[in-house]
Amino acid sequence: MDSLDFKSSVKVVGSNGQISLGKEFAGRQVLVEERAPGVWLIRTAKVIPETELWLHEPAAKYDLNLALKKARSTTPRESNLEAIFGKSRRKSKPKTKTRQARSK
């Protein structure tokens, strides 16, 4: 049977209620569970925002994998944007003279 090695250390809770876990955890997300009054379990975690949760549902995951597979196997080519969107409604700006041309 494998033995688990536990490390423990003493930390001081600052006046603002924070503790430092060390630089190796800087910027990482953690779950803090209060198991009993004064007893906390802190675990590193990867959290999925609610707005991105749908991407992990089986149907969306399947569709995304299919699209990625298609993208990898298709040679990129230039698109004809006018054929896709029609003639541009945006008028091009008149070209202004460069600073060098204006100073002459």
Protein backbone atom coordinates (compact mmCIF):
# COMPACT_ATOMS: atom_id res chain seq x y z
CA MET A 1 0.00 0.00 0.00
CA ASP A 2 1.28 3.46 -0.92
CA SER A 3 1.92 5.82 1.94
CA LEU A 4 0.86 9.43 1.63
CA ASP A 5 3.42 12.03 2.57
CA PHE A 6 1.80 15.02 4.22
CA LYS A 7 3.58 18.34 4.55
CA SER A 8 2.38 20.78 7.10
CA SER A 9 3.50 24.28 7.88
CA VAL A 10 2.48 27.11 10.16
CA LYS A 11 1.03 30.19 8.45
CA VAL A 12 -0.16 33.43 10.01
CA VAL A 13 -3.47 34.86 8.90
CA GLY A 14 -2.91 38.54 8.17
CA SER A 15 -5.10 41.36 9.48
CA ASN A 16 -6.97 41.34 6.15
CA GLY A 17 -7.82 37.61 6.54
CA GLN A 18 -5.35 36.34 3.94
CA ILE A 19 -2.68 33.65 4.08
CA SER A 20 0.15 33.06 1.61
CA LEU A 21 0.52 29.58 0.15
CA GLY A 22 3.85 30.36 -1.49
CA LYS A 23 5.02 31.55 -4.88
CA GLU A 24 4.53 28.14 -6.51
CA PHE A 25 0.77 28.69 -6.20
CA ALA A 26 0.74 32.31 -7.36
CA GLY A 27 -2.07 32.99 -9.82
CA ARG A 28 -3.62 29.54 -9.47
CA GLN A 29 -7.21 28.91 -8.47
CA VAL A 30 -7.90 26.90 -5.34
CA LEU A 31 -10.94 25.39 -3.64
CA VAL A 32 -11.20 26.15 0.04
CA GLU A 33 -13.46 23.80 1.99
CA GLU A 34 -14.29 24.46 5.61
CA ARG A 35 -14.57 20.93 7.02
CA ALA A 36 -15.26 22.07 10.59
CA PRO A 37 -14.85 25.36 12.43
CA GLY A 38 -11.17 26.24 12.06
CA VAL A 39 -10.44 23.26 9.75
CA TRP A 40 -9.88 24.00 6.06
CA LEU A 41 -8.92 21.83 3.13
CA ILE A 42 -7.28 23.78 0.30
CA ARG A 43 -6.95 22.11 -3.11
CA THR A 44 -5.77 23.44 -6.45
CA ALA A 45 -8.52 23.49 -9.07
CA LYS A 46 -9.35 24.36 -12.66
CA VAL A 47 -12.65 26.19 -12.75
CA ILE A 48 -14.83 26.42 -15.87
CA PRO A 49 -16.78 29.68 -16.17
CA GLU A 50 -20.55 29.14 -16.44
CA THR A 51 -20.61 30.87 -19.83
CA GLU A 52 -18.21 28.20 -21.18
CA LEU A 53 -19.79 25.20 -19.47
CA TRP A 54 -21.85 24.30 -22.56
CA LEU A 55 -18.60 23.56 -24.41
CA HIS A 56 -18.08 20.54 -22.16
CA GLU A 57 -21.48 18.97 -22.86
CA PRO A 58 -21.22 15.82 -25.03
CA ALA A 59 -23.02 17.26 -28.11
CA ALA A 60 -20.96 20.47 -28.17
CA LYS A 61 -17.74 18.57 -27.48
CA TYR A 62 -18.51 16.24 -30.41
CA ASP A 63 -19.28 19.16 -32.75
CA LEU A 64 -16.12 21.02 -31.74
CA ASN A 65 -13.95 17.93 -32.23
CA LEU A 66 -15.53 17.38 -35.66
CA ALA A 67 -14.89 21.03 -36.63
CA LEU A 68 -11.27 20.85 -35.43
CA LYS A 69 -10.71 17.63 -37.37
CA LYS A 70 -12.14 19.29 -40.52
CA ALA A 71 -9.98 22.39 -39.98
CA ARG A 72 -6.82 20.28 -39.66
CA SER A 73 -7.54 18.34 -42.85
CA THR A 74 -8.57 21.34 -44.99
CA THR A 75 -6.04 23.45 -46.83
CA PRO A 76 -6.63 27.16 -46.12
CA ARG A 77 -7.56 29.31 -49.12
CA GLU A 78 -8.38 32.94 -49.64
CA SER A 79 -12.04 33.84 -49.18
CA ASN A 80 -14.05 36.05 -51.50
CA LEU A 81 -15.72 38.31 -48.94
CA GLU A 82 -17.88 40.03 -51.55
CA ALA A 83 -19.36 36.66 -52.52
CA ILE A 84 -20.04 35.91 -48.85
CA PHE A 85 -21.28 39.30 -47.62
CA GLY A 86 -22.12 41.16 -50.82
CA LYS A 87 -20.66 44.44 -51.90
CA SER A 88 -19.27 46.44 -49.02
CA ARG A 89 -21.52 49.22 -47.74
CA ARG A 90 -18.55 50.93 -46.19
CA LYS A 91 -16.95 53.60 -48.32
CA SER A 92 -13.20 53.69 -48.30
CA LYS A 93 -11.56 56.74 -46.78
CA PRO A 94 -9.84 59.09 -49.18
CA LYS A 95 -6.10 58.60 -49.02
CA THR A 96 -4.33 61.40 -47.21
CA LYS A 97 -0.88 62.51 -48.09
CA THR A 98 1.90 61.18 -45.94
CA ARG A 99 3.62 63.57 -43.57
CA GLN A 100 6.67 63.60 -45.83
CA ALA A 101 4.60 64.52 -48.93
CA ARG A 102 2.78 67.32 -47.06
CA SER A 103 5.96 68.99 -45.94
CA LYS A 104 7.25 69.43 -49.51
